[in-house]
Amino acid sequence: MLKCANWRTWSIVMENYKIKMMNNSIYHYPTINLLDSASAIAQDVDLEQLEEQQKHIIDVLRTFCIPINEIKYTLSPSAIRYEIKPKSGQLYAKVRKNEHDISLCLSPMGVRIMSPVPGRNVMVIEIANPAPYTYQLKDIIEATTLKNDDMDLPCAIGKTIDDEIFMFDLAKMPHLLIGGATGQGKTVCLHDIIMSLLFKKSPQELNFVLIDPKKVEFEIYNPLINSFLMKIQGCKHPIITDVDEAVLALNSLCELMNKRFDLLKHTNVRNINEYNEKITNNTIGNADGYEYMPYIVVIIDEFADLKMIAEEDIEMPLVRLAQLARSVGIHLIIATQRPTYNIITGNISANFPASIAFKVATQSDSRVIIHNADACKLLAKGDMLFSHISSLTRVQCAYVDKKEINQVVSFIAQQEINQ
């Protein structure tokens, strides 16, 4: 049995890191009225324009000797998705061969072609919506039952091109890479993830480590210093902006990971869920030196800036956490506007099986993030591709502004939460 004295050695790594049992404090979750209603509404569909575009697609395909049996469309905020069934399955290869020329004939803007769609006997052509609109985060959270789902770390970030709510469980990813050119929606996506988790989890269940080399994006979460933000010994500010402190934080998390693995070993369990189940069932408890183990989500907003200054010092602990930390509830999200091979190395890419790509400038950047060139064909303002286990999903990222974030953060900060 692990002794209390060993438990107290945690203070060497973390400053004031003490998580109370969930039933020892009352926490009020944020309510949906803290978010603003949708400010943009889908415009009326111009049916004549859609019919003209369908005819244009059919004519272009016929020009390349690709006759079709069926065509239908789905409307999304940023794009119109046309599902097409050619008269012969052998024509899919002809579409792939002439993809570039077909795209140029269809639209001067980004056109994405999948021929065929994996697992289905259709091809897809996605063209920019001439009347684009956006979703607010409230639209997404209102349509989900975040309190009742079975995800450990649910992240609701937008809607698919089929107008379905898009959610993923970060605990199952288990780490996430986000890349895209400047101004395409990366930081808004990070805010969506953080806000989703704030609506779902309590401070006893989840801590954040926020690393922000730009020094401006995460400052709005500073009031969460006594609740969700983890305090790390040696870091002067709860939002880490200094490269040396970022290195210190990652190394401290590696030490904490080792301590957590020791706890799993002593309690004869394999992962954080089994350990916390023993805590909640009073199979083990504080009298034996054990306490509830919260999830830890580490978010780095601009990874390239850290990598350029302290490459080895940053990458070594990051890769170690990515390889091992899933079982003990530590999950990583890194974002960069420069997704090149020297920034996202093979070691990092191999340990981040889930990724989000916003529009990028080059095919090589796209391949670094999602292992194909489709991110070059995306549109701006939150249009993205989510990649996991070799599948790609096109999603329109929901928008949340600083005012809404501030309202949620203030609601949480006003509560007296003892840690």
Protein backbone atom coordinates (compact mmCIF):
# COMPACT_ATOMS: atom_id res chain seq x y z
CA MET A 1 0.00 0.00 0.00
CA LEU A 2 1.29 3.45 -0.92
CA LYS A 3 2.04 5.58 2.15
CA CYS A 4 0.97 9.18 2.66
CA ALA A 5 4.60 10.28 2.85
CA ASN A 6 5.10 9.14 -0.73
CA TRP A 7 2.02 11.01 -1.80
CA ARG A 8 3.41 14.22 -0.31
CA THR A 9 6.44 14.02 -2.58
CA TRP A 10 4.15 15.27 -5.35
CA SER A 11 4.69 18.79 -3.99
CA ILE A 12 8.22 18.65 -5.40
CA VAL A 13 6.69 18.64 -8.88
CA MET A 14 3.44 20.56 -8.53
CA GLU A 15 2.70 23.63 -6.41
CA ASN A 16 -0.51 23.40 -4.38
CA TYR A 17 -1.66 20.44 -6.49
CA LYS A 18 -4.48 19.08 -4.40
CA ILE A 19 -7.75 17.84 -5.86
CA LYS A 20 -10.64 17.37 -3.48
CA MET A 21 -13.11 14.55 -3.89
CA MET A 22 -16.03 15.55 -6.08
CA ASN A 23 -18.58 15.05 -3.31
CA ASN A 24 -16.69 17.40 -0.98
CA SER A 25 -17.57 20.56 -2.90
CA ILE A 26 -20.50 21.93 -4.87
CA TYR A 27 -19.80 23.10 -8.39
CA HIS A 28 -22.33 24.75 -10.70
CA TYR A 29 -21.77 24.09 -14.37
CA PRO A 30 -22.04 27.00 -16.84
CA THR A 31 -25.44 27.41 -18.43
CA ILE A 32 -26.21 27.82 -22.12
CA ASN A 33 -27.61 31.34 -21.62
CA LEU A 34 -24.04 32.54 -21.05
CA LEU A 35 -23.48 32.11 -24.80
CA ASP A 36 -24.93 34.37 -27.47
CA SER A 37 -27.59 33.23 -29.91
CA ALA A 38 -26.68 32.69 -33.53
CA SER A 39 -25.81 35.96 -35.22
CA ALA A 40 -25.77 34.48 -38.72
CA ILE A 41 -28.60 32.50 -40.26
CA ALA A 42 -28.53 30.39 -43.38
CA GLN A 43 -29.70 32.39 -46.35
CA ASP A 44 -32.53 31.19 -48.58
CA VAL A 45 -31.31 28.66 -51.08
CA ASP A 46 -31.36 29.81 -54.68
CA LEU A 47 -32.78 26.65 -56.24
CA GLU A 48 -32.31 27.91 -59.78
CA GLN A 49 -28.63 28.58 -59.10
CA LEU A 50 -28.19 25.08 -57.65
CA GLU A 51 -29.88 23.53 -60.67
CA GLU A 52 -27.66 25.52 -63.00
CA GLN A 53 -24.59 24.37 -61.09
CA GLN A 54 -25.75 20.74 -61.25
CA LYS A 55 -26.16 21.04 -65.03
CA HIS A 56 -22.72 22.61 -65.26
CA ILE A 57 -21.17 19.69 -63.34
CA ILE A 58 -22.92 17.19 -65.62
CA ASP A 59 -21.71 19.04 -68.73
CA VAL A 60 -18.12 19.22 -67.45
CA LEU A 61 -18.05 15.51 -66.66
CA ARG A 62 -19.46 14.71 -70.11
CA THR A 63 -16.65 16.78 -71.62
CA PHE A 64 -14.27 14.29 -70.01
CA CYS A 65 -16.41 11.35 -71.20
CA ILE A 66 -17.78 10.63 -67.73
CA PRO A 67 -21.57 10.08 -67.99
CA ILE A 68 -23.51 9.85 -64.73
CA ASN A 69 -26.65 8.10 -63.48
CA GLU A 70 -27.52 10.24 -60.47
CA ILE A 71 -26.57 13.52 -58.79
CA LYS A 72 -27.82 15.11 -55.55
CA TYR A 73 -26.60 17.92 -53.35
CA THR A 74 -26.20 18.75 -49.64
CA LEU A 75 -25.88 22.35 -48.47
CA SER A 76 -23.46 23.35 -45.69
CA PRO A 77 -22.26 26.76 -44.37
CA SER A 78 -19.11 26.87 -46.49
CA ALA A 79 -19.62 24.35 -49.29
CA ILE A 80 -22.13 22.51 -51.44
CA ARG A 81 -21.56 18.76 -51.58
CA TYR A 82 -22.62 16.93 -54.75
CA GLU A 83 -22.87 13.13 -54.59
CA ILE A 84 -22.54 11.64 -58.05
CA LYS A 85 -22.95 8.09 -59.28
CA PRO A 86 -21.22 7.46 -62.64
CA LYS A 87 -22.69 4.96 -65.09
CA SER A 88 -19.69 2.70 -64.64
CA GLY A 89 -17.45 2.01 -61.68
CA GLN A 90 -14.45 2.11 -64.01
CA LEU A 91 -15.04 5.85 -64.52
CA TYR A 92 -13.77 6.66 -61.00
CA ALA A 93 -10.22 6.17 -62.22
CA LYS A 94 -10.85 8.61 -65.08
CA VAL A 95 -12.11 11.21 -62.59
CA ARG A 96 -8.96 10.82 -60.47
CA LYS A 97 -6.76 11.09 -63.57
CA ASN A 98 -8.42 14.35 -64.65
CA GLU A 99 -9.13 15.76 -61.20
CA HIS A 100 -7.09 18.93 -61.64
CA ASP A 101 -8.64 19.83 -65.01
CA ILE A 102 -12.17 19.06 -63.76
CA SER A 103 -11.61 21.32 -60.73
CA LEU A 104 -10.46 24.21 -62.94
CA CYS A 105 -13.52 23.85 -65.15
CA LEU A 106 -15.95 23.78 -62.22
CA SER A 107 -14.82 26.72 -60.10
CA PRO A 108 -11.91 29.15 -59.70
CA MET A 109 -12.16 28.61 -55.92
CA GLY A 110 -11.26 25.47 -54.01
CA VAL A 111 -12.93 22.30 -55.34
CA ARG A 112 -12.50 19.01 -53.49
CA ILE A 113 -13.11 15.74 -55.35
CA MET A 114 -13.29 12.26 -53.82
CA SER A 115 -13.51 9.47 -56.36
CA PRO A 116 -14.88 7.21 -55.02
CA VAL A 117 -15.92 7.85 -51.41
CA PRO A 118 -14.40 5.06 -49.26
CA GLY A 119 -17.00 2.37 -48.61
CA ARG A 120 -19.60 3.85 -50.98
CA ASN A 121 -20.25 3.55 -54.70
CA VAL A 122 -20.35 7.31 -55.30
CA MET A 123 -17.98 10.16 -56.00
CA VAL A 124 -18.20 13.55 -54.31
CA ILE A 125 -17.54 17.06 -55.58
CA GLU A 126 -17.51 19.86 -53.01
CA ILE A 127 -17.75 23.46 -54.27
CA ALA A 128 -17.80 26.74 -52.33
CA ASN A 129 -21.23 27.88 -51.15
CA PRO A 130 -21.96 31.21 -52.90
CA ALA A 131 -23.91 32.38 -49.81
CA PRO A 132 -21.78 31.16 -46.87
CA TYR A 133 -22.84 31.48 -43.24
CA THR A 134 -21.45 30.50 -39.83
CA TYR A 135 -22.52 28.60 -36.74
CA GLN A 136 -22.22 30.02 -33.24
CA LEU A 137 -20.92 27.71 -30.52
CA LYS A 138 -24.30 28.04 -28.79
CA ASP A 139 -25.92 26.41 -31.84
CA ILE A 140 -23.67 23.40 -31.33
CA ILE A 141 -23.86 23.06 -27.55
CA GLU A 142 -27.64 23.56 -27.50
CA ALA A 143 -28.03 20.67 -29.93
CA THR A 144 -25.93 18.28 -27.85
CA THR A 145 -26.50 16.60 -24.53
CA LEU A 146 -23.04 17.32 -23.19
CA LYS A 147 -24.10 16.46 -19.63
CA ASN A 148 -25.55 13.08 -20.59
CA ASP A 149 -23.13 11.63 -23.12
CA ASP A 150 -20.68 8.84 -22.33
CA MET A 151 -17.54 10.62 -23.56
CA ASP A 152 -14.76 11.24 -21.04
CA LEU A 153 -13.57 14.48 -22.68
CA PRO A 154 -16.30 15.55 -25.14
CA CYS A 155 -15.38 18.28 -27.62
CA ALA A 156 -18.20 19.73 -29.75
CA ILE A 157 -16.62 21.99 -32.33
CA GLY A 158 -18.98 22.39 -35.28
CA LYS A 159 -21.16 20.70 -37.88
CA THR A 160 -20.34 18.35 -40.71
CA ILE A 161 -21.18 19.03 -44.32
CA ASP A 162 -24.27 16.84 -43.75
CA ASP A 163 -25.45 19.32 -41.07
CA GLU A 164 -24.76 16.92 -38.19
CA ILE A 165 -23.20 18.00 -34.89
CA PHE A 166 -19.54 17.03 -34.85
CA MET A 167 -18.17 15.83 -31.51
CA PHE A 168 -15.15 13.77 -30.57
CA ASP A 169 -13.78 12.31 -27.36
CA LEU A 170 -10.29 13.69 -26.77
CA ALA A 171 -9.59 10.86 -24.32
CA LYS A 172 -9.89 8.38 -27.19
CA MET A 173 -7.89 10.34 -29.78
CA PRO A 174 -5.73 10.50 -27.50
CA HIS A 175 -3.81 13.59 -28.71
CA LEU A 176 -4.66 16.18 -31.35
CA LEU A 177 -2.62 18.12 -33.91
CA ILE A 178 -4.11 21.29 -35.45
CA GLY A 179 -2.55 23.05 -38.44
CA GLY A 180 -3.49 25.76 -40.90
CA ALA A 181 -2.50 29.10 -42.33
CA THR A 182 -2.86 32.32 -40.35
CA GLY A 183 -6.43 33.46 -39.80
CA GLN A 184 -8.12 30.24 -40.92
CA GLY A 185 -9.66 29.32 -37.55
CA LYS A 186 -7.11 27.39 -35.47
CA THR A 187 -7.39 29.54 -32.34
CA VAL A 188 -11.20 29.65 -32.53
CA CYS A 189 -11.15 25.85 -32.71
CA LEU A 190 -8.99 25.74 -29.56
CA HIS A 191 -11.50 28.00 -27.79
CA ASP A 192 -14.34 25.69 -28.90
CA ILE A 193 -12.54 22.71 -27.38
CA ILE A 194 -11.83 24.50 -24.10
CA MET A 195 -15.39 25.82 -23.84
CA SER A 196 -16.89 22.38 -24.56
CA LEU A 197 -14.85 20.91 -21.75
CA LEU A 198 -15.77 23.76 -19.37
CA PHE A 199 -19.45 23.02 -20.01
CA LYS A 200 -18.95 19.29 -19.35
CA LYS A 201 -16.30 18.85 -16.65
CA SER A 202 -15.81 20.21 -13.14
CA PRO A 203 -12.48 21.51 -11.75
CA GLN A 204 -12.20 18.28 -9.74
CA GLU A 205 -12.36 16.27 -12.95
CA LEU A 206 -10.21 18.34 -15.29
CA ASN A 207 -7.19 20.65 -15.24
CA PHE A 208 -5.70 22.66 -18.11
CA VAL A 209 -2.10 23.54 -18.85
CA LEU A 210 -2.23 26.39 -21.37
CA ILE A 211 0.96 27.34 -23.24
CA ASP A 212 0.67 30.50 -25.32
CA PRO A 213 3.89 31.86 -26.88
CA LYS A 214 1.88 34.66 -28.54
CA LYS A 215 0.89 35.84 -25.03
CA VAL A 216 -2.54 37.10 -26.07
CA GLU A 217 -4.85 34.20 -26.95
CA PHE A 218 -5.29 32.43 -23.60
CA GLU A 219 -5.07 35.38 -21.18
CA ILE A 220 -8.86 35.42 -21.06
CA TYR A 221 -8.74 32.18 -19.03
CA ASN A 222 -6.54 33.71 -16.35
CA PRO A 223 -9.48 34.04 -13.84
CA LEU A 224 -9.63 30.21 -13.74
CA ILE A 225 -6.38 30.18 -11.74
CA ASN A 226 -8.13 28.76 -8.65
CA SER A 227 -10.20 26.20 -10.50
CA PHE A 228 -9.28 24.69 -13.87
CA LEU A 229 -5.74 25.99 -14.38
CA MET A 230 -2.99 23.78 -13.00
CA LYS A 231 -0.30 25.51 -10.97
CA ILE A 232 3.18 24.28 -11.79
CA GLN A 233 6.10 24.95 -9.51
CA GLY A 234 8.52 27.45 -11.05
CA CYS A 235 5.98 28.97 -13.44
CA LYS A 236 5.15 32.51 -12.36
CA HIS A 237 1.97 32.86 -14.40
CA PRO A 238 -0.94 30.41 -14.77
CA ILE A 239 -0.90 30.96 -18.56
CA ILE A 240 2.58 29.90 -19.69
CA THR A 241 4.09 32.30 -22.23
CA ASP A 242 7.85 31.88 -21.66
CA VAL A 243 9.81 29.17 -23.49
CA ASP A 244 11.81 28.20 -20.40
CA GLU A 245 8.62 27.85 -18.38
CA ALA A 246 7.07 25.78 -21.17
CA VAL A 247 10.02 23.38 -21.00
CA LEU A 248 9.70 23.28 -17.21
CA ALA A 249 5.95 22.57 -17.45
CA LEU A 250 6.41 19.68 -19.90
CA ASN A 251 9.17 18.12 -17.80
CA SER A 252 7.04 18.54 -14.66
CA LEU A 253 4.18 16.78 -16.41
CA CYS A 254 6.52 13.90 -17.28
CA GLU A 255 7.37 13.57 -13.57
CA LEU A 256 3.69 13.73 -12.68
CA MET A 257 3.00 11.05 -15.28
CA ASN A 258 5.52 8.77 -13.57
CA LYS A 259 3.88 9.41 -10.19
CA ARG A 260 0.49 8.56 -11.64
CA PHE A 261 1.81 5.33 -13.14
CA ASP A 262 3.09 4.42 -9.66
CA LEU A 263 -0.42 4.99 -8.30
CA LEU A 264 -1.90 2.74 -10.98
CA LYS A 265 0.63 0.06 -10.15
CA HIS A 266 -0.02 0.21 -6.40
CA THR A 267 -3.80 0.06 -6.88
CA ASN A 268 -3.56 -2.72 -9.48
CA VAL A 269 -5.43 -0.89 -12.26
CA ARG A 270 -4.56 -0.15 -15.88
CA ASN A 271 -5.82 3.37 -16.48
CA ILE A 272 -7.26 6.53 -14.97
CA ASN A 273 -10.87 5.40 -15.34
CA GLU A 274 -10.34 2.21 -13.35
CA TYR A 275 -8.42 4.15 -10.69
CA ASN A 276 -11.09 6.84 -10.30
CA GLU A 277 -13.81 4.19 -10.19
CA LYS A 278 -12.10 2.70 -7.14
CA ILE A 279 -11.99 6.17 -5.58
CA THR A 280 -15.70 6.88 -6.19
CA ASN A 281 -16.67 3.40 -4.96
CA ASN A 282 -14.59 3.95 -1.78
CA THR A 283 -12.51 0.87 -2.56
CA ILE A 284 -9.50 3.05 -1.83
CA GLY A 285 -9.49 6.51 -0.27
CA ASN A 286 -7.72 9.42 1.33
CA ALA A 287 -6.88 7.44 4.44
CA ASP A 288 -4.52 5.35 2.32
CA GLY A 289 -3.03 8.41 0.60
CA TYR A 290 -5.10 8.26 -2.58
CA GLU A 291 -7.24 11.02 -4.08
CA TYR A 292 -9.27 11.52 -7.22
CA MET A 293 -7.11 11.84 -10.35
CA PRO A 294 -8.30 14.60 -12.73
CA TYR A 295 -7.74 14.61 -16.47
CA ILE A 296 -5.09 17.05 -17.65
CA VAL A 297 -5.39 18.70 -21.08
CA VAL A 298 -2.23 20.43 -22.31
CA ILE A 299 -2.79 22.97 -25.09
CA ILE A 300 0.03 24.66 -27.02
CA ASP A 301 -1.24 27.40 -29.32
CA GLU A 302 1.78 28.07 -31.54
CA PHE A 303 4.09 25.09 -31.37
CA ALA A 304 6.48 26.31 -34.09
CA ASP A 305 7.59 29.29 -31.99
CA LEU A 306 8.61 27.01 -29.12
CA LYS A 307 10.27 24.53 -31.45
CA MET A 308 12.43 27.16 -33.13
CA ILE A 309 13.84 28.41 -29.82
CA ALA A 310 14.25 25.18 -27.85
CA GLU A 311 13.84 22.28 -30.25
CA GLU A 312 15.23 19.35 -28.26
CA ASP A 313 14.14 20.66 -24.87
CA ILE A 314 10.54 20.92 -26.11
CA GLU A 315 10.26 17.85 -28.33
CA MET A 316 11.72 15.23 -25.95
CA PRO A 317 9.21 15.62 -23.07
CA LEU A 318 6.38 16.25 -25.55
CA VAL A 319 7.01 12.99 -27.40
CA ARG A 320 7.37 11.11 -24.12
CA LEU A 321 4.01 12.41 -22.92
CA ALA A 322 2.43 11.60 -26.28
CA GLN A 323 3.72 8.03 -26.13
CA LEU A 324 2.76 7.18 -22.57
CA ALA A 325 0.46 9.69 -20.89
CA ARG A 326 -2.89 8.52 -22.26
CA SER A 327 -3.38 5.86 -19.59
CA VAL A 328 -2.94 8.39 -16.78
CA GLY A 329 -5.30 10.96 -18.25
CA ILE A 330 -2.86 13.49 -19.75
CA HIS A 331 -3.81 14.56 -23.29
CA LEU A 332 -2.05 16.96 -25.66
CA ILE A 333 -3.30 19.44 -28.25
CA ILE A 334 -0.74 21.32 -30.31
CA ALA A 335 -1.51 23.93 -32.97
CA THR A 336 0.76 25.57 -35.52
CA GLN A 337 0.49 27.82 -38.55
CA ARG A 338 3.68 26.30 -39.95
CA PRO A 339 2.98 22.57 -40.35
CA THR A 340 6.27 21.68 -42.02
CA TYR A 341 8.29 18.50 -41.65
CA ASN A 342 10.96 20.20 -39.54
CA ILE A 343 8.29 21.45 -37.08
CA ILE A 344 6.01 18.39 -37.02
CA THR A 345 8.67 15.69 -37.05
CA GLY A 346 8.07 11.99 -37.57
CA ASN A 347 8.13 11.32 -33.82
CA ILE A 348 5.42 13.90 -33.20
CA SER A 349 3.27 12.90 -36.18
CA ALA A 350 3.38 9.21 -35.24
CA ASN A 351 2.03 9.92 -31.77
CA PHE A 352 -0.75 12.30 -32.81
CA PRO A 353 -3.17 10.02 -34.69
CA ALA A 354 -5.94 12.65 -34.72
CA SER A 355 -5.51 15.93 -36.57
CA ILE A 356 -7.43 18.94 -37.82
CA ALA A 357 -6.40 20.79 -40.97
CA PHE A 358 -7.59 24.25 -41.89
CA LYS A 359 -6.70 25.77 -45.24
CA VAL A 360 -2.96 25.70 -45.97
CA ALA A 361 -0.85 27.17 -48.74
CA THR A 362 0.99 24.08 -49.99
CA GLN A 363 0.29 20.42 -50.57
CA SER A 364 3.29 19.45 -48.46
CA ASP A 365 1.84 21.32 -45.46
CA SER A 366 -1.45 19.50 -45.97
CA ARG A 367 0.28 16.12 -46.07
CA VAL A 368 2.10 16.85 -42.81
CA ILE A 369 -1.24 17.36 -41.02
CA ILE A 370 -3.67 14.91 -42.65
CA HIS A 371 -1.40 12.86 -44.97
CA ASN A 372 -3.06 14.06 -48.20
CA ALA A 373 -3.33 17.29 -50.17
CA ASP A 374 -7.02 18.09 -49.54
CA ALA A 375 -6.37 20.90 -47.04
CA CYS A 376 -5.21 23.08 -49.97
CA LYS A 377 -8.75 22.90 -51.38
CA LEU A 378 -10.50 24.14 -48.24
CA LEU A 379 -12.17 27.51 -47.90
CA ALA A 380 -11.49 30.13 -45.25
CA LYS A 381 -13.33 31.02 -42.01
CA GLY A 382 -13.42 27.74 -40.14
CA ASP A 383 -13.65 25.24 -43.00
CA MET A 384 -11.62 22.22 -41.87
CA LEU A 385 -10.92 18.51 -42.26
CA PHE A 386 -10.81 16.21 -39.23
CA SER A 387 -8.61 13.15 -39.67
CA HIS A 388 -8.65 10.08 -37.44
CA ILE A 389 -7.80 6.46 -38.25
CA SER A 390 -7.46 7.21 -41.99
CA SER A 391 -10.93 8.78 -42.27
CA LEU A 392 -11.57 12.42 -43.21
CA THR A 393 -14.60 14.45 -42.14
CA ARG A 394 -15.27 17.95 -43.45
CA VAL A 395 -16.50 20.24 -40.66
CA GLN A 396 -17.49 23.88 -40.34
CA CYS A 397 -15.95 25.12 -37.10
CA ALA A 398 -18.34 26.98 -34.77
CA TYR A 399 -17.56 30.57 -33.87
CA VAL A 400 -17.26 31.84 -30.30
CA ASP A 401 -16.15 35.38 -29.46
CA LYS A 402 -14.19 36.79 -26.53
CA LYS A 403 -17.33 38.22 -24.92
CA GLU A 404 -18.93 34.78 -24.64
CA ILE A 405 -15.73 33.22 -23.31
CA ASN A 406 -15.42 35.98 -20.72
CA GLN A 407 -19.01 35.39 -19.54
CA VAL A 408 -18.40 31.67 -19.01
CA VAL A 409 -15.02 32.23 -17.34
CA SER A 410 -16.47 34.89 -15.00
CA PHE A 411 -19.33 32.56 -14.02
CA ILE A 412 -16.86 29.85 -13.02
CA ALA A 413 -14.40 32.23 -11.32
CA GLN A 414 -17.11 33.70 -9.08
CA GLN A 415 -17.65 30.33 -7.43
CA GLU A 416 -15.58 29.52 -4.36
CA ILE A 417 -13.75 26.42 -5.49
CA ASN A 418 -11.24 24.97 -3.10
CA GLN A 419 -8.31 23.09 -4.56
